[in-house]
Amino acid sequence: MDKDGMERCDYIHAHEDIVNAVNAQMPDEEILYDLAELFKVFGDSTRIKILYVLFESEMCVCDIAQLLNMNQSAISHQLRVLKQSKLVKYRRDGKTVFYSLADGHVRTILGQGMEHVAE
C-alpha cells in the first residue's frame, strides 16, 4: 500500500494474459466517446423527466409541457437533444407531433436505472 492507503501494483504486467484478453475486447475510442456522449444526455433531470413521461405514454409537446409545468419551447429544445441522440422518435397526426421512446433499448436503460436507484 502507498502512503494514502491505496493498493499499489508492484508489477508492470502482473497478469499479462488478462490485460491482453481485456484489451482485445475494448471498443474503439470513437465508440467509447459516443457511449460517453449518450450517457451525458441522461445527465439532465429535465431530459430524464421527459424520458420517464414517454416511458409511460406517447405524448405531444403541449401535454409534456403541461405535465412537467414547463413552457413548450423548453420541452421542444430538450426533445431536439433527445431526438439527435436517437432516444426519442416522433410521428405526425395532422398538425400534432407525438413523441415516444425510440426503441426497447431506451426503455431498458430507464428501467434498469430506476431499479438501480431504488436499491
Protein backbone atom coordinates (compact mmCIF):
# COMPACT_ATOMS: atom_id res chain seq x y z
CA MET A 1 0.00 0.00 0.00
CA ASP A 2 1.16 3.52 -0.65
CA LYS A 3 1.17 6.41 1.83
CA ASP A 4 -2.53 7.19 1.05
CA GLY A 5 -3.61 3.67 1.93
CA MET A 6 -4.23 2.77 -1.72
CA GLU A 7 -3.21 -0.60 -3.07
CA ARG A 8 -0.21 -0.39 -5.35
CA CYS A 9 0.71 -2.78 -8.13
CA ASP A 10 4.39 -3.71 -7.97
CA TYR A 11 4.41 -5.31 -11.40
CA ILE A 12 4.24 -3.74 -14.80
CA HIS A 13 2.37 -6.70 -16.31
CA ALA A 14 1.40 -8.90 -13.40
CA HIS A 15 -1.41 -10.58 -15.33
CA GLU A 16 -0.46 -10.04 -18.94
CA ASP A 17 -2.90 -12.70 -20.21
CA ILE A 18 -5.83 -10.92 -18.55
CA VAL A 19 -4.65 -7.50 -19.72
CA ASN A 20 -4.30 -8.76 -23.30
CA ALA A 21 -7.69 -10.50 -23.26
CA VAL A 22 -9.48 -7.40 -21.97
CA ASN A 23 -7.57 -5.13 -24.36
CA ALA A 24 -8.68 -7.31 -27.29
CA GLN A 25 -12.32 -6.74 -26.27
CA MET A 26 -12.05 -2.96 -25.78
CA PRO A 27 -14.19 -1.00 -28.25
CA ASP A 28 -12.57 1.67 -30.43
CA GLU A 29 -12.06 5.13 -28.91
CA GLU A 30 -14.76 6.56 -31.18
CA ILE A 31 -17.33 4.06 -29.88
CA LEU A 32 -16.39 4.79 -26.26
CA TYR A 33 -16.66 8.53 -26.97
CA ASP A 34 -20.15 8.04 -28.47
CA LEU A 35 -21.17 5.98 -25.43
CA ALA A 36 -19.94 8.71 -23.07
CA GLU A 37 -21.89 11.31 -25.07
CA LEU A 38 -25.03 9.16 -24.83
CA PHE A 39 -24.72 8.99 -21.06
CA LYS A 40 -24.24 12.78 -20.89
CA VAL A 41 -27.74 13.11 -22.35
CA PHE A 42 -29.04 11.17 -19.35
CA GLY A 43 -27.25 13.66 -17.06
CA ASP A 44 -30.01 16.28 -17.27
CA SER A 45 -33.01 15.94 -14.95
CA THR A 46 -35.40 17.63 -17.40
CA ARG A 47 -34.50 15.14 -20.13
CA ILE A 48 -34.89 12.28 -17.64
CA LYS A 49 -38.36 13.58 -16.73
CA ILE A 50 -39.30 13.72 -20.42
CA LEU A 51 -37.98 10.21 -21.00
CA TYR A 52 -39.88 8.94 -17.97
CA VAL A 53 -43.10 10.57 -19.24
CA LEU A 54 -42.56 8.90 -22.62
CA PHE A 55 -41.78 5.63 -20.84
CA GLU A 56 -45.40 5.75 -19.68
CA SER A 57 -47.10 7.07 -22.81
CA GLU A 58 -46.64 8.67 -26.21
CA MET A 59 -47.31 12.42 -25.88
CA CYS A 60 -47.26 15.73 -27.72
CA VAL A 61 -45.16 18.73 -26.66
CA CYS A 62 -48.19 20.53 -25.20
CA ASP A 63 -49.07 17.63 -22.92
CA ILE A 64 -45.47 17.10 -21.81
CA ALA A 65 -45.13 20.83 -21.05
CA GLN A 66 -48.34 20.85 -19.03
CA LEU A 67 -47.43 17.68 -17.15
CA LEU A 68 -43.95 18.93 -16.23
CA ASN A 69 -45.13 22.51 -15.63
CA MET A 70 -42.68 23.90 -18.18
CA ASN A 71 -43.00 26.02 -21.30
CA GLN A 72 -43.29 24.39 -24.71
CA SER A 73 -40.07 25.89 -26.08
CA ALA A 74 -38.03 24.37 -23.22
CA ILE A 75 -39.62 20.97 -23.85
CA SER A 76 -39.05 21.29 -27.61
CA HIS A 77 -35.39 22.12 -27.03
CA GLN A 78 -34.88 19.04 -24.84
CA LEU A 79 -36.81 16.84 -27.28
CA ARG A 80 -34.46 18.01 -30.04
CA VAL A 81 -31.46 16.84 -27.96
CA LEU A 82 -33.19 13.52 -27.28
CA LYS A 83 -34.00 13.08 -30.99
CA GLN A 84 -30.40 13.83 -32.01
CA SER A 85 -29.25 11.16 -29.55
CA LYS A 86 -31.79 8.73 -31.06
CA LEU A 87 -33.55 8.30 -27.72
CA VAL A 88 -36.97 9.51 -28.90
CA LYS A 89 -38.87 9.30 -32.16
CA TYR A 90 -41.91 11.18 -33.40
CA ARG A 91 -44.91 10.78 -35.65
CA ARG A 92 -47.29 13.34 -37.11
CA ASP A 93 -51.03 13.13 -36.77
CA GLY A 94 -52.37 16.13 -38.70
CA LYS A 95 -50.72 19.18 -37.15
CA THR A 96 -49.85 17.40 -33.92
CA VAL A 97 -46.49 15.71 -33.38
CA PHE A 98 -46.42 12.82 -30.92
CA TYR A 99 -43.20 11.71 -29.26
CA SER A 100 -42.30 8.29 -27.89
CA LEU A 101 -39.21 6.38 -26.81
CA ALA A 102 -37.12 5.40 -29.83
CA ASP A 103 -36.91 1.69 -29.04
CA GLY A 104 -36.78 -1.01 -26.40
CA HIS A 105 -33.18 -0.18 -25.56
CA VAL A 106 -34.18 3.20 -24.13
CA ARG A 107 -36.94 1.53 -22.12
CA THR A 108 -34.39 -0.98 -20.76
CA ILE A 109 -31.85 1.72 -19.84
CA LEU A 110 -34.52 3.71 -17.97
CA GLY A 111 -35.97 0.65 -16.28
CA GLN A 112 -32.59 -0.61 -15.11
CA GLY A 113 -31.60 2.87 -13.98
CA MET A 114 -34.77 3.14 -11.89
CA GLU A 115 -34.12 -0.30 -10.38
CA HIS A 116 -30.56 0.69 -9.51
CA VAL A 117 -31.59 3.94 -7.82
CA ALA A 118 -34.36 2.19 -5.88
CA GLU A 119 -31.92 -0.34 -4.32
